[in-house]
Each structure stands twice: as structure tokens, then as C-alpha cells.
């Protein structure tokens, strides 16, 4: 079966070149388009000589050269599926196809930090323009883009009464003490709040979708994963111990805790705005509990593809943020990080 059956007409020649370069063929035996999120790049499962591969056509604007460089480096380190072909000019990539299996949270607590340790040890990825940063550290990069987001939050009145003031006050509290640390700038994936970007085949874990990869604070990756699968302080310690290969100290625990709050703030802002204007949100309507929502999100039962679900996702993060900043640990973590940075 040749590519023309499902491949966009304007990409037929590019895909044929990829098949020829990767496998010495111009046709595949089977091809099936995989469902993606809203605005996702076309992705296909193809079969060549009896083996399955993933064909990705990058149609969204973006720097595919950086993306492919990061993906290749991760694949060589065993953090991403094997790469068979990439073409920056054609914006096409072919990698191994991962047949996924259920990924139990206890396994995730052990495997993800170990894989992130491998990823973060790689030579630094190429830098990306600041506007490319769609990770939670966007809130730590002062400049026009951040100013526009904060102004939009103020103007849209998205949160309930006094909520906007509360959110921005907490943001200032954390941003004022969480200074960048040179040793924490590593090669990051930056898009791991999506469970779909972590594929478990029953034996190994793989990271996919490298559009957002660039050097970032290591705790950005760690925090969004922890917000997905860590449910208590004991699990958080075990999570960091697996990552650092030794028990975490109070500074490491404090930095992770504060970055987790930054992530809650970022996804509150981003998804309430994405979900719709503030006057369309019924704040009296209950939302699922944080653990229940993320259990279902992790299991693939929830997808962030419609405005209502995006709004619920933002509200779930808002409720968790309010709970966390009310704990004694919040002020203690701010103190620990502030004092360490003052000494440095």
C-alpha cells in the first residue's frame, strides 16, 4: 500500500523520500492515521517489511531543526524511540512505533524520575526563543510575553471574586524567591504534563513529542510529572530519591514544592483563559477532586480537547494551589529557597 491513500497530497513526495532513505522502499504495507489532539500534527502508524513505525508530519509552525536535534539526542540515550529518518526541509520524521501498555502509577513513580535523570544528563539542547516556552517556567521569565499574560489575567477577571488578587499575590511570593540555579539548567522535555508524551510498552518507558524541548530548570519536568503521579510527601521523597539516587535534602524538596506551585499557577492561568472568558464559568458548580481528575487524566479517560474540560482542568489546579499555599510547608519552602539563594 502506498502513502497516497491517507497522506496529505502536498506531502506525498516528502514521505516517499523518507521511506526510501530509511528502508529502501517507496511504499508501506499498511498505513493508519492516529488520532491526535486539537491542532496536532498528522501522525501515522506505518508497517514496512512487517515492522511498525511512526511517521510524523510537522505542519505546525516551529523550529523542527531544534526539535529533531533534541529527539535524536534523546533517542541515542535511550529516552526516546529509535529515530530512522528526519528531514528538516520536508519536516518529516520516522521513528519506532511503541505498542503501549497500561502504566501503573507506582511504576511511574520509579521509572519516570530515572528516565528524567538520563535525559537531564545529556549535553544541553539548543536554546529556543523565549516565546517558545510553554512550560511552567514561562512565569519566571520576565518580559513582554509574561506582562501580556498577567495583564490578560487581570483584565479578563477569569477567577472568582478576589481570586485574581490572590493568584497574583502568590505568584509574586514564589517568583521573588525562586531564582534560577545554574546547576539546575539541563536538557528538558518541557511537555510532560501530558501523559500521552510518556509511552510505556510494558518493559521500557519512552518520551515522545519534542517540539517544546530546550534547556530549562530541571524542576520544570520534575514538577509537572510529580503533579500527575505523586499523591503524598512520602511519594515525593521517593520520587526525588529515585531521580538523585540519594535521599533529597531540604533544599531539593523545597525547590520541587515551589515549582509544583508555579505549575499549578501556570495551568490555572493558561487553561482558564483557553477554556473561555470568566463570565462563562459557574464557580458554584463543583469540580472533581485533584487526585480523581488526575487519575482519570493519567488513565487516558480525560482529554483536554474541549473548552469545558480545559476550564475544569484550570479550576482543579486552582483548588489545589489554594490548598497548598495554606499549608505551613509553603512558607517553609519559601524560606529555605530564599535563604539558600541569599547565601549563594
Protein backbone atom coordinates (compact mmCIF):
# COMPACT_ATOMS: atom_id res chain seq x y z
CA UNK A 1 0.00 0.00 0.00
CA UNK A 2 1.46 3.32 -0.96
CA UNK A 3 1.28 6.58 1.01
CA UNK A 4 -1.28 8.38 -1.25
CA UNK A 5 -4.27 6.78 0.48
CA UNK A 6 -4.07 8.95 3.62
CA UNK A 7 -1.03 11.24 3.38
CA UNK A 8 -1.77 14.90 2.54
CA UNK A 9 -1.23 15.36 -1.19
CA UNK A 10 1.43 18.05 -0.74
CA UNK A 11 3.48 15.71 1.48
CA UNK A 12 3.46 12.61 -0.72
CA UNK A 13 6.87 13.24 -2.26
CA UNK A 14 8.40 14.03 1.15
CA UNK A 15 7.05 10.82 2.69
CA UNK A 16 8.21 8.75 -0.28
CA UNK A 17 11.72 10.21 0.13
CA UNK A 18 11.65 9.29 3.79
CA UNK A 19 10.63 5.70 3.12
CA UNK A 20 13.34 5.34 0.50
CA UNK A 21 16.07 6.77 2.71
CA UNK A 22 15.04 4.86 5.83
CA UNK A 23 14.10 1.49 4.40
CA UNK A 24 14.91 1.43 0.69
CA UNK A 25 11.23 1.24 -0.28
CA UNK A 26 8.72 3.70 -1.70
CA UNK A 27 5.61 2.06 -0.32
CA UNK A 28 4.49 0.72 3.05
CA UNK A 29 2.44 -2.41 3.62
CA UNK A 30 -0.06 -0.68 5.86
CA UNK A 31 -0.74 2.88 7.00
CA UNK A 32 -3.19 4.18 9.59
CA UNK A 33 -3.65 7.72 10.84
CA UNK A 34 -3.58 8.02 14.62
CA UNK A 35 -5.97 10.28 16.47
CA UNK A 36 -4.30 13.38 17.86
CA UNK A 37 -5.28 16.39 19.90
CA UNK A 38 -6.78 19.56 18.56
CA UNK A 39 -4.37 21.12 16.07
CA UNK A 40 -2.00 18.17 16.31
CA UNK A 41 0.48 17.32 13.58
CA UNK A 42 -0.58 14.34 11.41
CA UNK A 43 0.82 11.10 12.83
CA UNK A 44 0.60 7.68 11.22
CA UNK A 45 1.36 4.08 12.14
CA UNK A 46 3.04 2.53 9.13
CA UNK A 47 4.21 -1.03 8.51
CA UNK A 48 7.33 -1.71 6.45
CA UNK A 49 8.67 -5.23 5.97
CA UNK A 50 6.44 -6.48 8.78
CA UNK A 51 7.57 -3.95 11.41
CA UNK A 52 5.61 -0.98 12.71
CA UNK A 53 6.96 2.58 12.71
CA UNK A 54 5.64 6.04 13.48
CA UNK A 55 5.50 8.63 10.70
CA UNK A 56 5.10 12.23 11.82
CA UNK A 57 4.50 15.18 9.51
CA UNK A 58 5.19 18.52 11.17
CA UNK A 59 2.71 21.03 9.78
CA UNK A 60 2.59 23.42 12.72
CA UNK A 61 4.97 26.36 12.58
CA UNK A 62 8.09 25.80 14.63
CA UNK A 63 11.79 25.06 14.62
CA UNK A 64 11.93 21.41 13.56
CA UNK A 65 15.73 21.53 13.40
CA UNK A 66 15.85 22.05 17.19
CA UNK A 67 13.07 19.53 17.69
CA UNK A 68 14.83 16.84 15.65
CA UNK A 69 18.19 17.55 17.32
CA UNK A 70 16.64 17.06 20.76
CA UNK A 71 14.74 13.95 19.68
CA UNK A 72 17.83 12.35 18.16
CA UNK A 73 19.91 13.05 21.27
CA UNK A 74 17.21 11.58 23.50
CA UNK A 75 16.87 8.51 21.27
CA UNK A 76 20.61 7.88 21.34
CA UNK A 77 20.45 7.99 25.14
CA UNK A 78 17.55 5.53 25.22
CA UNK A 79 15.00 8.11 26.37
CA UNK A 80 13.06 8.26 23.09
CA UNK A 81 12.16 5.65 20.45
CA UNK A 82 14.77 4.91 17.80
CA UNK A 83 14.86 7.50 15.03
CA UNK A 84 15.06 6.10 11.49
CA UNK A 85 14.74 9.27 9.47
CA UNK A 86 14.33 13.02 9.83
CA UNK A 87 14.25 15.77 7.24
CA UNK A 88 14.26 19.39 8.36
CA UNK A 89 13.42 20.56 4.83
CA UNK A 90 10.47 18.19 4.48
CA UNK A 91 9.50 18.40 8.20
CA UNK A 92 9.09 14.63 8.34
CA UNK A 93 10.28 12.10 10.92
CA UNK A 94 10.09 8.31 11.14
CA UNK A 95 10.70 6.52 14.45
CA UNK A 96 9.96 3.18 16.04
CA UNK A 97 6.31 2.67 16.91
CA UNK A 98 5.66 1.92 20.58
CA UNK A 99 2.86 -0.53 21.37
CA UNK A 100 1.70 0.90 24.69
CA UNK A 101 0.54 -0.93 27.78
CA UNK A 102 -1.16 0.41 30.92
CA UNK A 103 1.34 2.36 33.03
CA UNK A 104 0.51 1.91 36.72
CA UNK A 105 1.24 4.95 38.88
CA UNK A 106 3.57 3.01 41.23
CA UNK A 107 5.66 2.06 38.19
CA UNK A 108 5.61 5.66 37.03
CA UNK A 109 6.93 6.87 40.39
CA UNK A 110 10.01 4.73 39.83
CA UNK A 111 10.55 4.80 36.10
CA UNK A 112 9.88 8.45 35.21
CA UNK A 113 12.42 10.06 37.56
CA UNK A 114 15.04 7.52 36.45
CA UNK A 115 14.40 8.36 32.79
CA UNK A 116 14.44 12.09 33.53
CA UNK A 117 17.82 11.62 35.20
CA UNK A 118 19.10 10.18 31.92
CA UNK A 119 17.52 12.96 29.87
CA UNK A 120 18.78 15.75 32.11
CA UNK A 121 22.33 14.39 31.96
CA UNK A 122 22.54 14.95 28.18
CA UNK A 123 24.60 17.83 26.75
CA UNK A 124 22.45 20.95 26.69
CA UNK A 125 19.82 21.05 23.98
CA UNK A 126 19.81 24.03 21.58
CA UNK A 127 18.29 27.19 23.01
CA UNK A 128 14.78 28.20 21.95
CA UNK A 129 13.28 31.67 21.64
CA UNK A 130 11.63 32.74 24.89
CA UNK A 131 8.19 32.83 23.30
CA UNK A 132 8.51 29.08 22.64
CA UNK A 133 8.45 28.36 26.38
CA UNK A 134 5.11 26.69 27.08
CA UNK A 135 6.39 25.16 30.32
CA UNK A 136 5.56 26.48 33.77
CA UNK A 137 8.87 28.40 33.90
CA UNK A 138 7.24 30.84 31.49
CA UNK A 139 6.12 32.56 34.70
CA UNK A 140 9.74 33.07 35.77
CA UNK A 141 10.89 34.71 32.52
CA UNK A 142 10.18 38.40 32.91
CA UNK A 143 9.47 40.27 29.69
CA UNK A 144 6.70 41.45 27.35
CA UNK A 145 5.17 38.00 26.86
CA UNK A 146 4.76 37.44 30.60
CA UNK A 147 3.47 41.00 31.06
CA UNK A 148 0.79 40.32 28.43
CA UNK A 149 -0.34 37.13 30.16
CA UNK A 150 -0.55 38.77 33.59
CA UNK A 151 -2.41 41.73 32.13
CA UNK A 152 -4.88 39.38 30.45
CA UNK A 153 -5.47 37.60 33.75
CA UNK A 154 -6.20 40.95 35.41
CA UNK A 155 -8.42 42.20 32.59
CA UNK A 156 -10.43 39.04 31.96
CA UNK A 157 -11.50 38.68 35.60
CA UNK A 158 -11.38 34.93 34.98
CA UNK A 159 -11.20 33.90 38.62
CA UNK A 160 -13.96 34.39 41.22
CA UNK A 161 -14.11 37.47 43.48
CA UNK A 162 -10.69 38.28 44.97
CA UNK A 163 -9.25 35.25 43.20
CA UNK A 164 -7.18 37.22 40.73
CA UNK A 165 -5.56 39.22 43.53
CA UNK A 166 -4.88 36.00 45.44
CA UNK A 167 -3.32 34.30 42.42
CA UNK A 168 -1.09 37.23 41.52
CA UNK A 169 -0.02 37.75 45.13
CA UNK A 170 1.00 34.11 45.47
CA UNK A 171 2.77 34.32 42.13
CA UNK A 172 4.83 37.30 43.33
CA UNK A 173 5.67 35.48 46.57
CA UNK A 174 7.09 32.47 44.76
CA UNK A 175 8.70 34.28 41.83
CA UNK A 176 10.53 36.62 44.20
CA UNK A 177 12.40 33.75 45.91
CA UNK A 178 12.72 31.12 43.18
CA UNK A 179 15.89 32.31 41.46
CA UNK A 180 17.38 30.28 38.59
CA UNK A 181 20.21 27.99 39.66
CA UNK A 182 22.94 27.35 37.09
CA UNK A 183 23.34 23.71 38.05
CA UNK A 184 19.65 23.10 37.50
CA UNK A 185 19.63 24.23 33.86
CA UNK A 186 19.52 20.98 31.92
CA UNK A 187 18.13 19.45 28.73
CA UNK A 188 14.38 19.25 29.37
CA UNK A 189 11.38 17.84 27.55
CA UNK A 190 9.07 20.61 28.85
CA UNK A 191 5.77 19.00 27.82
CA UNK A 192 5.28 16.20 30.32
CA UNK A 193 2.07 17.47 31.89
CA UNK A 194 0.51 15.38 29.09
CA UNK A 195 0.50 11.66 29.95
CA UNK A 196 0.38 10.89 26.20
CA UNK A 197 4.00 12.03 25.89
CA UNK A 198 5.18 9.17 28.13
CA UNK A 199 4.78 5.78 26.46
CA UNK A 200 5.18 2.53 28.41
CA UNK A 201 5.50 -0.71 26.42
CA UNK A 202 5.32 -2.99 29.44
CA UNK A 203 9.10 -3.15 29.68
CA UNK A 204 10.50 0.31 28.98
CA UNK A 205 9.41 3.91 29.15
CA UNK A 206 9.82 6.31 26.23
CA UNK A 207 9.35 10.06 25.88
CA UNK A 208 7.86 11.44 22.65
CA UNK A 209 6.86 14.78 21.09
CA UNK A 210 9.93 17.02 21.34
CA UNK A 211 8.53 20.29 19.98
CA UNK A 212 8.88 22.05 23.34
CA UNK A 213 12.35 20.70 24.24
CA UNK A 214 15.11 23.16 25.22
CA UNK A 215 17.38 23.86 28.23
CA UNK A 216 15.27 24.57 31.30
CA UNK A 217 15.20 24.25 35.07
CA UNK A 218 15.28 20.53 35.88
CA UNK A 219 12.42 21.04 38.33
CA UNK A 220 10.09 22.06 35.48
CA UNK A 221 10.00 18.47 34.18
CA UNK A 222 10.03 17.03 37.69
CA UNK A 223 7.22 19.24 38.97
CA UNK A 224 4.67 18.57 36.23
CA UNK A 225 5.25 14.82 36.49
CA UNK A 226 5.02 14.97 40.28
CA UNK A 227 1.72 16.84 39.95
CA UNK A 228 0.46 13.93 37.85
CA UNK A 229 1.55 10.92 39.91
CA UNK A 230 2.79 11.98 43.38
CA UNK A 231 -0.01 11.92 45.96
CA UNK A 232 1.75 12.49 49.31
CA UNK A 233 5.00 13.62 50.95
CA UNK A 234 6.40 10.10 51.20
CA UNK A 235 5.94 9.53 47.47
CA UNK A 236 7.50 12.90 46.75
CA UNK A 237 10.62 11.92 48.71
CA UNK A 238 10.79 8.57 46.94
CA UNK A 239 10.32 10.30 43.58
CA UNK A 240 13.27 12.66 44.20
CA UNK A 241 15.39 9.89 45.71
CA UNK A 242 14.99 7.87 42.52
CA UNK A 243 15.97 10.93 40.49
CA UNK A 244 19.01 12.00 42.54
CA UNK A 245 19.96 8.40 43.51
CA UNK A 246 20.19 9.52 47.12
CA UNK A 247 17.78 10.95 49.70
CA UNK A 248 16.82 14.52 48.76
CA UNK A 249 17.86 17.35 51.05
CA UNK A 250 15.54 20.07 52.31
CA UNK A 251 16.58 22.48 49.55
CA UNK A 252 15.78 20.00 46.79
CA UNK A 253 12.42 19.22 48.38
CA UNK A 254 11.66 22.92 48.74
CA UNK A 255 12.55 23.73 45.14
CA UNK A 256 10.36 20.93 43.85
CA UNK A 257 7.49 22.03 46.08
CA UNK A 258 7.70 25.63 44.89
CA UNK A 259 7.97 24.61 41.24
CA UNK A 260 4.89 22.45 41.71
CA UNK A 261 3.03 25.57 42.86
CA UNK A 262 4.37 27.51 39.87
CA UNK A 263 2.97 24.74 37.68
CA UNK A 264 -0.41 24.99 39.41
CA UNK A 265 -0.41 28.76 38.80
CA UNK A 266 0.61 28.40 35.16
CA UNK A 267 -2.01 25.80 34.28
CA UNK A 268 -4.66 27.71 36.21
CA UNK A 269 -3.96 30.82 34.14
CA UNK A 270 -3.45 29.09 30.81
CA UNK A 271 -6.43 26.74 30.86
CA UNK A 272 -8.96 29.12 32.36
CA UNK A 273 -8.08 31.53 29.57
CA UNK A 274 -8.16 28.76 26.96
CA UNK A 275 -11.47 27.47 28.29
CA UNK A 276 -13.29 30.74 27.86
CA UNK A 277 -13.95 34.13 29.45
CA UNK A 278 -14.55 34.39 33.16
CA UNK A 279 -18.25 35.17 32.86
CA UNK A 280 -18.85 31.73 31.31
CA UNK A 281 -17.55 29.86 34.36
CA UNK A 282 -20.04 28.81 37.01
CA UNK A 283 -17.89 28.83 40.14
CA UNK A 284 -20.71 27.28 42.15
CA UNK A 285 -20.55 24.17 40.01
CA UNK A 286 -18.39 21.53 41.73
CA UNK A 287 -15.32 20.09 40.03
CA UNK A 288 -13.66 16.71 40.55
CA UNK A 289 -11.08 16.34 43.28
CA UNK A 290 -7.47 16.79 42.18
CA UNK A 291 -6.44 13.14 42.67
CA UNK A 292 -9.56 11.79 40.99
CA UNK A 293 -9.20 14.10 37.98
CA UNK A 294 -5.51 13.24 37.51
CA UNK A 295 -6.11 9.53 38.00
CA UNK A 296 -8.54 9.66 35.08
CA UNK A 297 -6.27 12.00 33.11
CA UNK A 298 -3.37 9.59 33.63
CA UNK A 299 -5.51 6.64 32.51
CA UNK A 300 -6.48 8.44 29.28
CA UNK A 301 -10.14 8.79 30.27
CA UNK A 302 -9.90 12.60 30.10
CA UNK A 303 -8.55 14.60 27.16
CA UNK A 304 -8.01 18.37 27.13
CA UNK A 305 -9.68 18.83 23.76
CA UNK A 306 -12.78 20.90 24.56
CA UNK A 307 -13.29 24.19 26.37
CA UNK A 308 -15.31 22.72 29.21
CA UNK A 309 -12.61 20.18 30.09
CA UNK A 310 -9.91 22.84 29.80
CA UNK A 311 -11.84 25.03 32.22
CA UNK A 312 -12.24 22.15 34.67
CA UNK A 313 -8.51 21.41 34.38
CA UNK A 314 -7.69 25.03 35.23
CA UNK A 315 -10.09 25.00 38.18
CA UNK A 316 -8.66 21.73 39.51
CA UNK A 317 -5.19 23.30 39.56
CA UNK A 318 -6.58 26.45 41.21
CA UNK A 319 -8.21 24.45 44.01
CA UNK A 320 -5.01 22.51 44.62
CA UNK A 321 -2.95 25.72 44.65
CA UNK A 322 -5.24 27.26 47.27
CA UNK A 323 -4.90 24.17 49.44
CA UNK A 324 -1.11 24.05 49.15
CA UNK A 325 -0.43 27.73 49.87
CA UNK A 326 -2.45 27.35 53.06
CA UNK A 327 -0.02 24.77 54.42
CA UNK A 328 2.89 25.58 56.72
CA UNK A 329 5.14 23.91 54.18
CA UNK A 330 4.52 26.70 51.68
CA UNK A 331 6.13 29.39 53.84
CA UNK A 332 8.85 26.98 54.98
CA UNK A 333 9.77 26.14 51.38
CA UNK A 334 9.94 29.83 50.51
CA UNK A 335 12.20 30.44 53.49
CA UNK A 336 14.56 27.56 52.64
CA UNK A 337 14.92 28.54 48.98
CA UNK A 338 15.27 32.25 49.76
CA UNK A 339 17.98 31.69 52.37
CA UNK A 340 19.97 29.34 50.15
CA UNK A 341 19.89 31.82 47.27
CA UNK A 342 20.87 34.66 49.61
CA UNK A 343 23.98 32.71 50.68
CA UNK A 344 24.84 31.88 47.05
